[in-house]
Full PDB file with SEQRES, HELIX, SHEET, SSBOND, CRYST1, ORIGX, SCALE, CONECT and MASTER records, all heavy atoms in Angstrom:
SEQRES   1 A   37  ASP PRO TYR ARG ASN LEU GLU ASN LEU GLU ASP SER THR          
SEQRES   2 A   37  VAL ILE ASN TRP LEU LYS ALA GLN GLY ALA TYR ALA TYR          
SEQRES   3 A   37  SER SER LEU GLN ASN ILE ALA ASN ARG GLN ARG                  
HELIX    1 AA1 ARG A    4  GLU A    7  5                                   4    
HELIX    2 AA2 SER A   12  GLN A   30  1                                  19    
CRYST1    1.000    1.000    1.000  90.00  90.00  90.00 P 1           1          
ORIGX1      1.000000  0.000000  0.000000        0.00000                         
ORIGX2      0.000000  1.000000  0.000000        0.00000                         
ORIGX3      0.000000  0.000000  1.000000        0.00000                         
SCALE1      1.000000  0.000000  0.000000        0.00000                         
SCALE2      0.000000  1.000000  0.000000        0.00000                         
SCALE3      0.000000  0.000000  1.000000        0.00000                         
ATOM      1  N   ASP A   1     151.092  -3.710  -3.818  1.00  0.00           N  
ATOM      2  CA  ASP A   1     150.757  -2.415  -4.467  1.00  0.00           C  
ATOM      3  C   ASP A   1     151.800  -2.277  -5.609  1.00  0.00           C  
ATOM      4  O   ASP A   1     152.880  -1.824  -5.411  1.00  0.00           O  
ATOM      5  CB  ASP A   1     150.891  -1.269  -3.466  1.00  0.00           C  
ATOM      6  CG  ASP A   1     150.512   0.083  -4.011  1.00  0.00           C  
ATOM      7  OD1 ASP A   1     150.180   0.104  -5.270  1.00  0.00           O  
ATOM      8  OD2 ASP A   1     150.534   1.048  -3.326  1.00  0.00           O  
ATOM      9  N   PRO A   2     151.366  -2.641  -6.784  1.00  0.00           N  
ATOM     10  CA  PRO A   2     152.310  -2.648  -7.920  1.00  0.00           C  
ATOM     11  C   PRO A   2     152.659  -1.228  -8.460  1.00  0.00           C  
ATOM     12  O   PRO A   2     153.584  -1.113  -9.239  1.00  0.00           O  
ATOM     13  CB  PRO A   2     151.585  -3.469  -9.011  1.00  0.00           C  
ATOM     14  CG  PRO A   2     150.159  -3.353  -8.671  1.00  0.00           C  
ATOM     15  CD  PRO A   2     150.068  -3.202  -7.195  1.00  0.00           C  
ATOM     16  N   TYR A   3     151.913  -0.220  -8.052  1.00  0.00           N  
ATOM     17  CA  TYR A   3     152.204   1.116  -8.580  1.00  0.00           C  
ATOM     18  C   TYR A   3     152.518   2.164  -7.470  1.00  0.00           C  
ATOM     19  O   TYR A   3     152.325   3.339  -7.713  1.00  0.00           O  
ATOM     20  CB  TYR A   3     151.031   1.583  -9.425  1.00  0.00           C  
ATOM     21  CG  TYR A   3     150.830   0.713 -10.643  1.00  0.00           C  
ATOM     22  CD1 TYR A   3     149.829  -0.251 -10.719  1.00  0.00           C  
ATOM     23  CD2 TYR A   3     151.736   0.819 -11.716  1.00  0.00           C  
ATOM     24  CE1 TYR A   3     149.705  -1.049 -11.823  1.00  0.00           C  
ATOM     25  CE2 TYR A   3     151.608   0.013 -12.820  1.00  0.00           C  
ATOM     26  CZ  TYR A   3     150.565  -0.888 -12.877  1.00  0.00           C  
ATOM     27  OH  TYR A   3     150.428  -1.713 -14.002  1.00  0.00           O  
ATOM     28  N   ARG A   4     152.993   1.682  -6.333  1.00  0.00           N  
ATOM     29  CA  ARG A   4     153.346   2.631  -5.277  1.00  0.00           C  
ATOM     30  C   ARG A   4     154.461   3.568  -5.714  1.00  0.00           C  
ATOM     31  O   ARG A   4     154.547   4.691  -5.276  1.00  0.00           O  
ATOM     32  CB  ARG A   4     153.737   1.897  -4.007  1.00  0.00           C  
ATOM     33  CG  ARG A   4     154.040   2.897  -2.895  1.00  0.00           C  
ATOM     34  CD  ARG A   4     154.345   2.285  -1.595  1.00  0.00           C  
ATOM     35  NE  ARG A   4     153.268   1.458  -1.138  1.00  0.00           N  
ATOM     36  CZ  ARG A   4     153.344   0.548  -0.192  1.00  0.00           C  
ATOM     37  NH1 ARG A   4     154.498   0.408   0.433  1.00  0.00           N  
ATOM     38  NH2 ARG A   4     152.329  -0.151   0.203  1.00  0.00           N  
ATOM     39  N   ASN A   5     155.330   3.109  -6.582  1.00  0.00           N  
ATOM     40  CA  ASN A   5     156.423   3.937  -7.059  1.00  0.00           C  
ATOM     41  C   ASN A   5     155.929   5.187  -7.775  1.00  0.00           C  
ATOM     42  O   ASN A   5     156.663   6.211  -7.820  1.00  0.00           O  
ATOM     43  CB  ASN A   5     157.340   3.161  -7.952  1.00  0.00           C  
ATOM     44  CG  ASN A   5     156.661   2.636  -9.189  1.00  0.00           C  
ATOM     45  OD1 ASN A   5     155.584   2.009  -9.099  1.00  0.00           O  
ATOM     46  ND2 ASN A   5     157.243   2.780 -10.364  1.00  0.00           N  
ATOM     47  N   LEU A   6     154.685   5.211  -8.258  1.00  0.00           N  
ATOM     48  CA  LEU A   6     154.137   6.373  -8.912  1.00  0.00           C  
ATOM     49  C   LEU A   6     153.805   7.495  -7.934  1.00  0.00           C  
ATOM     50  O   LEU A   6     153.530   8.635  -8.331  1.00  0.00           O  
ATOM     51  CB  LEU A   6     152.887   6.006  -9.723  1.00  0.00           C  
ATOM     52  CG  LEU A   6     153.157   5.054 -10.903  1.00  0.00           C  
ATOM     53  CD1 LEU A   6     151.847   4.775 -11.630  1.00  0.00           C  
ATOM     54  CD2 LEU A   6     154.187   5.601 -11.856  1.00  0.00           C  
ATOM     55  N   GLU A   7     153.828   7.195  -6.647  1.00  0.00           N  
ATOM     56  CA  GLU A   7     153.553   8.221  -5.639  1.00  0.00           C  
ATOM     57  C   GLU A   7     154.735   9.148  -5.420  1.00  0.00           C  
ATOM     58  O   GLU A   7     154.552  10.288  -4.926  1.00  0.00           O  
ATOM     59  CB  GLU A   7     153.216   7.543  -4.288  1.00  0.00           C  
ATOM     60  CG  GLU A   7     151.921   6.768  -4.340  1.00  0.00           C  
ATOM     61  CD  GLU A   7     151.699   6.014  -3.009  1.00  0.00           C  
ATOM     62  OE1 GLU A   7     152.418   6.192  -2.047  1.00  0.00           O  
ATOM     63  OE2 GLU A   7     150.718   5.220  -2.996  1.00  0.00           O  
ATOM     64  N   ASN A   8     155.903   8.725  -5.820  1.00  0.00           N  
ATOM     65  CA  ASN A   8     157.106   9.585  -5.684  1.00  0.00           C  
ATOM     66  C   ASN A   8     157.224  10.495  -6.909  1.00  0.00           C  
ATOM     67  O   ASN A   8     157.761  10.130  -7.928  1.00  0.00           O  
ATOM     68  CB  ASN A   8     158.350   8.688  -5.600  1.00  0.00           C  
ATOM     69  CG  ASN A   8     159.574   9.497  -5.346  1.00  0.00           C  
ATOM     70  OD1 ASN A   8     159.575  10.703  -5.220  1.00  0.00           O  
ATOM     71  ND2 ASN A   8     160.744   8.797  -5.328  1.00  0.00           N  
ATOM     72  N   LEU A   9     156.734  11.730  -6.745  1.00  0.00           N  
ATOM     73  CA  LEU A   9     156.694  12.668  -7.861  1.00  0.00           C  
ATOM     74  C   LEU A   9     158.040  13.308  -8.128  1.00  0.00           C  
ATOM     75  O   LEU A   9     158.145  14.139  -9.047  1.00  0.00           O  
ATOM     76  CB  LEU A   9     155.635  13.743  -7.586  1.00  0.00           C  
ATOM     77  CG  LEU A   9     154.215  13.204  -7.496  1.00  0.00           C  
ATOM     78  CD1 LEU A   9     153.232  14.344  -7.214  1.00  0.00           C  
ATOM     79  CD2 LEU A   9     153.822  12.457  -8.780  1.00  0.00           C  
ATOM     80  N   GLU A  10     159.036  12.961  -7.360  1.00  0.00           N  
ATOM     81  CA  GLU A  10     160.399  13.489  -7.625  1.00  0.00           C  
ATOM     82  C   GLU A  10     161.271  12.490  -8.382  1.00  0.00           C  
ATOM     83  O   GLU A  10     162.357  12.789  -8.755  1.00  0.00           O  
ATOM     84  CB  GLU A  10     161.094  13.840  -6.274  1.00  0.00           C  
ATOM     85  CG  GLU A  10     160.323  14.960  -5.580  1.00  0.00           C  
ATOM     86  CD  GLU A  10     160.950  15.303  -4.242  1.00  0.00           C  
ATOM     87  OE1 GLU A  10     161.914  14.650  -3.814  1.00  0.00           O  
ATOM     88  OE2 GLU A  10     160.408  16.219  -3.568  1.00  0.00           O  
ATOM     89  N   ASP A  11     160.753  11.276  -8.616  1.00  0.00           N  
ATOM     90  CA  ASP A  11     161.464  10.246  -9.354  1.00  0.00           C  
ATOM     91  C   ASP A  11     161.433  10.602 -10.851  1.00  0.00           C  
ATOM     92  O   ASP A  11     160.371  10.885 -11.395  1.00  0.00           O  
ATOM     93  CB  ASP A  11     160.813   8.891  -9.136  1.00  0.00           C  
ATOM     94  CG  ASP A  11     161.584   7.752  -9.771  1.00  0.00           C  
ATOM     95  OD1 ASP A  11     162.674   7.968 -10.306  1.00  0.00           O  
ATOM     96  OD2 ASP A  11     160.982   6.607  -9.756  1.00  0.00           O  
ATOM     97  N   SER A  12     162.556  10.525 -11.530  1.00  0.00           N  
ATOM     98  CA  SER A  12     162.662  10.936 -12.952  1.00  0.00           C  
ATOM     99  C   SER A  12     161.807   9.985 -13.791  1.00  0.00           C  
ATOM    100  O   SER A  12     161.255  10.372 -14.820  1.00  0.00           O  
ATOM    101  CB  SER A  12     164.087  10.918 -13.391  1.00  0.00           C  
ATOM    102  OG  SER A  12     164.685   9.650 -13.303  1.00  0.00           O  
ATOM    103  N   THR A  13     161.678   8.704 -13.383  1.00  0.00           N  
ATOM    104  CA  THR A  13     160.873   7.760 -14.166  1.00  0.00           C  
ATOM    105  C   THR A  13     159.417   8.139 -14.131  1.00  0.00           C  
ATOM    106  O   THR A  13     158.696   8.103 -15.140  1.00  0.00           O  
ATOM    107  CB  THR A  13     161.029   6.351 -13.589  1.00  0.00           C  
ATOM    108  OG1 THR A  13     162.432   6.000 -13.521  1.00  0.00           O  
ATOM    109  CG2 THR A  13     160.324   5.331 -14.421  1.00  0.00           C  
ATOM    110  N   VAL A  14     158.975   8.554 -12.951  1.00  0.00           N  
ATOM    111  CA  VAL A  14     157.564   8.968 -12.786  1.00  0.00           C  
ATOM    112  C   VAL A  14     157.338  10.298 -13.558  1.00  0.00           C  
ATOM    113  O   VAL A  14     156.298  10.426 -14.221  1.00  0.00           O  
ATOM    114  CB  VAL A  14     157.212   9.124 -11.294  1.00  0.00           C  
ATOM    115  CG1 VAL A  14     155.796   9.682 -11.129  1.00  0.00           C  
ATOM    116  CG2 VAL A  14     157.385   7.800 -10.572  1.00  0.00           C  
ATOM    117  N   ILE A  15     158.246  11.214 -13.464  1.00  0.00           N  
ATOM    118  CA  ILE A  15     158.070  12.493 -14.195  1.00  0.00           C  
ATOM    119  C   ILE A  15     158.019  12.258 -15.660  1.00  0.00           C  
ATOM    120  O   ILE A  15     157.175  12.806 -16.379  1.00  0.00           O  
ATOM    121  CB  ILE A  15     159.265  13.453 -13.823  1.00  0.00           C  
ATOM    122  CG1 ILE A  15     159.169  13.873 -12.370  1.00  0.00           C  
ATOM    123  CG2 ILE A  15     159.266  14.666 -14.693  1.00  0.00           C  
ATOM    124  CD1 ILE A  15     160.366  14.572 -11.830  1.00  0.00           C  
ATOM    125  N   ASN A  16     158.908  11.408 -16.192  1.00  0.00           N  
ATOM    126  CA  ASN A  16     158.880  11.109 -17.631  1.00  0.00           C  
ATOM    127  C   ASN A  16     157.645  10.377 -18.051  1.00  0.00           C  
ATOM    128  O   ASN A  16     157.068  10.671 -19.140  1.00  0.00           O  
ATOM    129  CB  ASN A  16     160.136  10.237 -18.027  1.00  0.00           C  
ATOM    130  CG  ASN A  16     161.402  11.007 -17.901  1.00  0.00           C  
ATOM    131  OD1 ASN A  16     161.440  12.220 -17.946  1.00  0.00           O  
ATOM    132  ND2 ASN A  16     162.483  10.301 -17.669  1.00  0.00           N  
ATOM    133  N   TRP A  17     157.096   9.496 -17.173  1.00  0.00           N  
ATOM    134  CA  TRP A  17     155.844   8.841 -17.533  1.00  0.00           C  
ATOM    135  C   TRP A  17     154.660   9.828 -17.552  1.00  0.00           C  
ATOM    136  O   TRP A  17     153.846   9.773 -18.450  1.00  0.00           O  
ATOM    137  CB  TRP A  17     155.564   7.697 -16.490  1.00  0.00           C  
ATOM    138  CG  TRP A  17     154.242   7.064 -16.695  1.00  0.00           C  
ATOM    139  CD1 TRP A  17     153.918   6.185 -17.727  1.00  0.00           C  
ATOM    140  CD2 TRP A  17     153.050   7.236 -15.925  1.00  0.00           C  
ATOM    141  NE1 TRP A  17     152.587   5.823 -17.597  1.00  0.00           N  
ATOM    142  CE2 TRP A  17     152.063   6.466 -16.483  1.00  0.00           C  
ATOM    143  CE3 TRP A  17     152.769   8.003 -14.805  1.00  0.00           C  
ATOM    144  CZ2 TRP A  17     150.779   6.404 -15.964  1.00  0.00           C  
ATOM    145  CZ3 TRP A  17     151.499   7.945 -14.279  1.00  0.00           C  
ATOM    146  CH2 TRP A  17     150.525   7.125 -14.872  1.00  0.00           C  
ATOM    147  N   LEU A  18     154.646  10.728 -16.588  1.00  0.00           N  
ATOM    148  CA  LEU A  18     153.570  11.752 -16.559  1.00  0.00           C  
ATOM    149  C   LEU A  18     153.659  12.652 -17.806  1.00  0.00           C  
ATOM    150  O   LEU A  18     152.617  12.999 -18.369  1.00  0.00           O  
ATOM    151  CB  LEU A  18     153.693  12.593 -15.282  1.00  0.00           C  
ATOM    152  CG  LEU A  18     153.228  11.877 -13.995  1.00  0.00           C  
ATOM    153  CD1 LEU A  18     153.629  12.757 -12.784  1.00  0.00           C  
ATOM    154  CD2 LEU A  18     151.768  11.543 -13.998  1.00  0.00           C  
ATOM    155  N   LYS A  19     154.844  13.057 -18.195  1.00  0.00           N  
ATOM    156  CA  LYS A  19     155.040  13.854 -19.399  1.00  0.00           C  
ATOM    157  C   LYS A  19     154.543  13.082 -20.634  1.00  0.00           C  
ATOM    158  O   LYS A  19     153.910  13.669 -21.510  1.00  0.00           O  
ATOM    159  CB  LYS A  19     156.462  14.310 -19.560  1.00  0.00           C  
ATOM    160  CG  LYS A  19     156.856  15.359 -18.538  1.00  0.00           C  
ATOM    161  CD  LYS A  19     158.307  15.783 -18.750  1.00  0.00           C  
ATOM    162  CE  LYS A  19     158.687  16.840 -17.712  1.00  0.00           C  
ATOM    163  NZ  LYS A  19     160.084  17.254 -17.873  1.00  0.00           N  
ATOM    164  N   ALA A  20     154.869  11.797 -20.698  1.00  0.00           N  
ATOM    165  CA  ALA A  20     154.411  11.025 -21.851  1.00  0.00           C  
ATOM    166  C   ALA A  20     152.928  10.868 -21.860  1.00  0.00           C  
ATOM    167  O   ALA A  20     152.308  10.876 -22.924  1.00  0.00           O  
ATOM    168  CB  ALA A  20     155.110   9.630 -21.784  1.00  0.00           C  
ATOM    169  N   GLN A  21     152.326  10.737 -20.667  1.00  0.00           N  
ATOM    170  CA  GLN A  21     150.857  10.672 -20.621  1.00  0.00           C  
ATOM    171  C   GLN A  21     150.235  11.947 -21.114  1.00  0.00           C  
ATOM    172  O   GLN A  21     149.254  11.945 -21.817  1.00  0.00           O  
ATOM    173  CB  GLN A  21     150.392  10.389 -19.140  1.00  0.00           C  
ATOM    174  CG  GLN A  21     150.616   8.992 -18.664  1.00  0.00           C  
ATOM    175  CD  GLN A  21     149.576   8.053 -19.268  1.00  0.00           C  
ATOM    176  OE1 GLN A  21     148.423   8.365 -19.430  1.00  0.00           O  
ATOM    177  NE2 GLN A  21     150.023   6.834 -19.590  1.00  0.00           N  
ATOM    178  N   GLY A  22     150.807  13.064 -20.674  1.00  0.00           N  
ATOM    179  CA  GLY A  22     150.304  14.341 -21.086  1.00  0.00           C  
ATOM    180  C   GLY A  22     150.426  14.567 -22.625  1.00  0.00           C  
ATOM    181  O   GLY A  22     149.507  15.040 -23.267  1.00  0.00           O  
ATOM    182  N   ALA A  23     151.551  14.136 -23.191  1.00  0.00           N  
ATOM    183  CA  ALA A  23     151.757  14.258 -24.624  1.00  0.00           C  
ATOM    184  C   ALA A  23     150.784  13.376 -25.366  1.00  0.00           C  
ATOM    185  O   ALA A  23     150.235  13.733 -26.426  1.00  0.00           O  
ATOM    186  CB  ALA A  23     153.155  13.876 -24.966  1.00  0.00           C  
ATOM    187  N   TYR A  24     150.540  12.139 -24.852  1.00  0.00           N  
ATOM    188  CA  TYR A  24     149.558  11.270 -25.495  1.00  0.00           C  
ATOM    189  C   TYR A  24     148.155  11.848 -25.457  1.00  0.00           C  
ATOM    190  O   TYR A  24     147.454  11.843 -26.446  1.00  0.00           O  
ATOM    191  CB  TYR A  24     149.585   9.902 -24.803  1.00  0.00           C  
ATOM    192  CG  TYR A  24     148.459   9.001 -25.250  1.00  0.00           C  
ATOM    193  CD1 TYR A  24     148.570   8.299 -26.456  1.00  0.00           C  
ATOM    194  CD2 TYR A  24     147.316   8.823 -24.476  1.00  0.00           C  
ATOM    195  CE1 TYR A  24     147.582   7.519 -26.911  1.00  0.00           C  
ATOM    196  CE2 TYR A  24     146.307   7.981 -24.967  1.00  0.00           C  
ATOM    197  CZ  TYR A  24     146.408   7.335 -26.151  1.00  0.00           C  
ATOM    198  OH  TYR A  24     145.419   6.527 -26.586  1.00  0.00           O  
ATOM    199  N   ALA A  25     147.791  12.382 -24.312  1.00  0.00           N  
ATOM    200  CA  ALA A  25     146.422  12.977 -24.205  1.00  0.00           C  
ATOM    201  C   ALA A  25     146.308  14.195 -25.131  1.00  0.00           C  
ATOM    202  O   ALA A  25     145.263  14.350 -25.813  1.00  0.00           O  
ATOM    203  CB  ALA A  25     146.173  13.453 -22.743  1.00  0.00           C  
ATOM    204  N   TYR A  26     147.325  15.019 -25.178  1.00  0.00           N  
ATOM    205  CA  TYR A  26     147.282  16.224 -26.066  1.00  0.00           C  
ATOM    206  C   TYR A  26     147.189  15.801 -27.540  1.00  0.00           C  
ATOM    207  O   TYR A  26     146.393  16.370 -28.268  1.00  0.00           O  
ATOM    208  CB  TYR A  26     148.562  17.064 -25.872  1.00  0.00           C  
ATOM    209  CG  TYR A  26     148.578  18.334 -26.646  1.00  0.00           C  
ATOM    210  CD1 TYR A  26     147.830  19.440 -26.262  1.00  0.00           C  
ATOM    211  CD2 TYR A  26     149.314  18.400 -27.845  1.00  0.00           C  
ATOM    212  CE1 TYR A  26     147.857  20.586 -27.019  1.00  0.00           C  
ATOM    213  CE2 TYR A  26     149.330  19.538 -28.581  1.00  0.00           C  
ATOM    214  CZ  TYR A  26     148.591  20.669 -28.179  1.00  0.00           C  
ATOM    215  OH  TYR A  26     148.600  21.790 -28.958  1.00  0.00           O  
ATOM    216  N   SER A  27     147.955  14.790 -27.944  1.00  0.00           N  
ATOM    217  CA  SER A  27     147.901  14.415 -29.343  1.00  0.00           C  
ATOM    218  C   SER A  27     146.545  13.759 -29.676  1.00  0.00           C  
ATOM    219  O   SER A  27     146.023  13.934 -30.779  1.00  0.00           O  
ATOM    220  CB  SER A  27     149.045  13.377 -29.696  1.00  0.00           C  
ATOM    221  OG  SER A  27     148.841  12.177 -29.034  1.00  0.00           O  
ATOM    222  N   SER A  28     145.972  13.041 -28.685  1.00  0.00           N  
ATOM    223  CA  SER A  28     144.654  12.437 -28.936  1.00  0.00           C  
ATOM    224  C   SER A  28     143.593  13.482 -29.123  1.00  0.00           C  
ATOM    225  O   SER A  28     142.737  13.412 -29.992  1.00  0.00           O  
ATOM    226  CB  SER A  28     144.258  11.519 -27.753  1.00  0.00           C  
ATOM    227  OG  SER A  28     145.132  10.409 -27.637  1.00  0.00           O  
ATOM    228  N   LEU A  29     143.643  14.568 -28.268  1.00  0.00           N  
ATOM    229  CA  LEU A  29     142.668  15.619 -28.359  1.00  0.00           C  
ATOM    230  C   LEU A  29     142.871  16.428 -29.626  1.00  0.00           C  
ATOM    231  O   LEU A  29     141.884  16.919 -30.221  1.00  0.00           O  
ATOM    232  CB  LEU A  29     142.757  16.526 -27.139  1.00  0.00           C  
ATOM    233  CG  LEU A  29     142.352  15.865 -25.837  1.00  0.00           C  
ATOM    234  CD1 LEU A  29     142.639  16.805 -24.671  1.00  0.00           C  
ATOM    235  CD2 LEU A  29     140.850  15.527 -25.846  1.00  0.00           C  
ATOM    236  N   GLN A  30     144.100  16.587 -30.100  1.00  0.00           N  
ATOM    237  CA  GLN A  30     144.347  17.342 -31.302  1.00  0.00           C  
ATOM    238  C   GLN A  30     143.900  16.597 -32.580  1.00  0.00           C  
ATOM    239  O   GLN A  30     143.632  17.259 -33.590  1.00  0.00           O  
ATOM    240  CB  GLN A  30     145.862  17.701 -31.385  1.00  0.00           C  
ATOM    241  CG  GLN A  30     146.335  18.629 -30.359  1.00  0.00           C  
ATOM    242  CD  GLN A  30     145.611  19.969 -30.396  1.00  0.00           C  
ATOM    243  OE1 GLN A  30     145.407  20.556 -31.451  1.00  0.00           O  
ATOM    244  NE2 GLN A  30     145.218  20.435 -29.217  1.00  0.00           N  
ATOM    245  N   ASN A  31     143.808  15.310 -32.461  1.00  0.00           N  
ATOM    246  CA  ASN A  31     143.423  14.506 -33.679  1.00  0.00           C  
ATOM    247  C   ASN A  31     141.933  14.232 -33.836  1.00  0.00           C  
ATOM    248  O   ASN A  31     141.529  13.489 -34.662  1.00  0.00           O  
ATOM    249  CB  ASN A  31     144.158  13.167 -33.629  1.00  0.00           C  
ATOM    250  CG  ASN A  31     145.630  13.356 -33.892  1.00  0.00           C  
ATOM    251  OD1 ASN A  31     146.048  14.248 -34.672  1.00  0.00           O  
ATOM    252  ND2 ASN A  31     146.474  12.511 -33.312  1.00  0.00           N  
ATOM    253  N   ILE A  32     141.119  14.878 -32.938  1.00  0.00           N  
ATOM    254  CA  ILE A  32     139.706  14.712 -33.076  1.00  0.00           C  
ATOM    255  C   ILE A  32     139.193  15.396 -34.392  1.00  0.00           C  
ATOM    256  O   ILE A  32     139.505  16.543 -34.609  1.00  0.00           O  
ATOM    257  CB  ILE A  32     138.933  15.305 -31.854  1.00  0.00           C  
ATOM    258  CG1 ILE A  32     139.302  14.522 -30.598  1.00  0.00           C  
ATOM    259  CG2 ILE A  32     137.442  15.341 -32.065  1.00  0.00           C  
ATOM    260  CD1 ILE A  32     138.743  15.124 -29.331  1.00  0.00           C  
ATOM    261  N   ALA A  33     138.469  14.622 -35.189  1.00  0.00           N  
ATOM    262  CA  ALA A  33     137.971  15.192 -36.461  1.00  0.00           C  
ATOM    263  C   ALA A  33     137.010  16.329 -36.161  1.00  0.00           C  
ATOM    264  O   ALA A  33     136.170  16.189 -35.242  1.00  0.00           O  
ATOM    265  CB  ALA A  33     137.300  14.099 -37.270  1.00  0.00           C  
ATOM    266  N   ASN A  34     137.074  17.369 -36.911  1.00  0.00           N  
ATOM    267  CA  ASN A  34     136.221  18.551 -36.778  1.00  0.00           C  
ATOM    268  C   ASN A  34     136.242  19.129 -35.390  1.00  0.00           C  
ATOM    269  O   ASN A  34     135.236  19.598 -34.858  1.00  0.00           O  
ATOM    270  CB  ASN A  34     134.751  18.155 -37.197  1.00  0.00           C  
ATOM    271  CG  ASN A  34     134.629  17.751 -38.604  1.00  0.00           C  
ATOM    272  OD1 ASN A  34     135.260  18.364 -39.497  1.00  0.00           O  
ATOM    273  ND2 ASN A  34     133.899  16.702 -38.852  1.00  0.00           N  
ATOM    274  N   ARG A  35     137.400  19.128 -34.806  1.00  0.00           N  
ATOM    275  CA  ARG A  35     137.554  19.571 -33.383  1.00  0.00           C  
ATOM    276  C   ARG A  35     137.113  20.984 -33.183  1.00  0.00           C  
ATOM    277  O   ARG A  35     136.346  21.255 -32.233  1.00  0.00           O  
ATOM    278  CB  ARG A  35     139.052  19.408 -33.040  1.00  0.00           C  
ATOM    279  CG  ARG A  35     139.384  19.803 -31.625  1.00  0.00           C  
ATOM    280  CD  ARG A  35     140.870  19.532 -31.379  1.00  0.00           C  
ATOM    281  NE  ARG A  35     141.275  20.171 -30.182  1.00  0.00           N  
ATOM    282  CZ  ARG A  35     141.799  21.393 -30.087  1.00  0.00           C  
ATOM    283  NH1 ARG A  35     141.935  22.080 -31.144  1.00  0.00           N  
ATOM    284  NH2 ARG A  35     142.099  21.904 -28.914  1.00  0.00           N  
ATOM    285  N   GLN A  36     137.506  21.898 -34.062  1.00  0.00           N  
ATOM    286  CA  GLN A  36     137.123  23.300 -33.857  1.00  0.00           C  
ATOM    287  C   GLN A  36     135.628  23.469 -33.998  1.00  0.00           C  
ATOM    288  O   GLN A  36     135.063  24.307 -33.284  1.00  0.00           O  
ATOM    289  CB  GLN A  36     137.880  24.191 -34.882  1.00  0.00           C  
ATOM    290  CG  GLN A  36     137.714  25.659 -34.542  1.00  0.00           C  
ATOM    291  CD  GLN A  36     138.215  26.032 -33.150  1.00  0.00           C  
ATOM    292  OE1 GLN A  36     139.326  25.612 -32.743  1.00  0.00           O  
ATOM    293  NE2 GLN A  36     137.402  26.775 -32.428  1.00  0.00           N  
ATOM    294  N   ARG A  37     135.007  22.752 -34.880  1.00  0.00           N  
ATOM    295  CA  ARG A  37     133.534  22.858 -35.026  1.00  0.00           C  
ATOM    296  C   ARG A  37     132.857  22.414 -33.766  1.00  0.00           C  
ATOM    297  O   ARG A  37     131.900  23.036 -33.338  1.00  0.00           O  
ATOM    298  CB  ARG A  37     133.093  22.030 -36.226  1.00  0.00           C  
ATOM    299  CG  ARG A  37     131.584  22.213 -36.563  1.00  0.00           C  
ATOM    300  CD  ARG A  37     131.209  21.452 -37.801  1.00  0.00           C  
ATOM    301  NE  ARG A  37     131.277  20.008 -37.628  1.00  0.00           N  
ATOM    302  CZ  ARG A  37     130.328  19.255 -37.108  1.00  0.00           C  
ATOM    303  NH1 ARG A  37     129.235  19.806 -36.709  1.00  0.00           N  
ATOM    304  NH2 ARG A  37     130.465  17.961 -37.050  1.00  0.00           N  
TER     305      ARG A  37                                                      
MASTER        0    0    0    2    0    0    0    6  304    1    0    3          
END                                                                             
């Protein structure tokens, strides 16, 4: 199980990865052309 370490939500590495994933998703959604339309 190469990603079992991601189950530990108190690990700072996992928390930082989740925050980076959230930032990536937010920036991707903000860059959609004609988003408001």
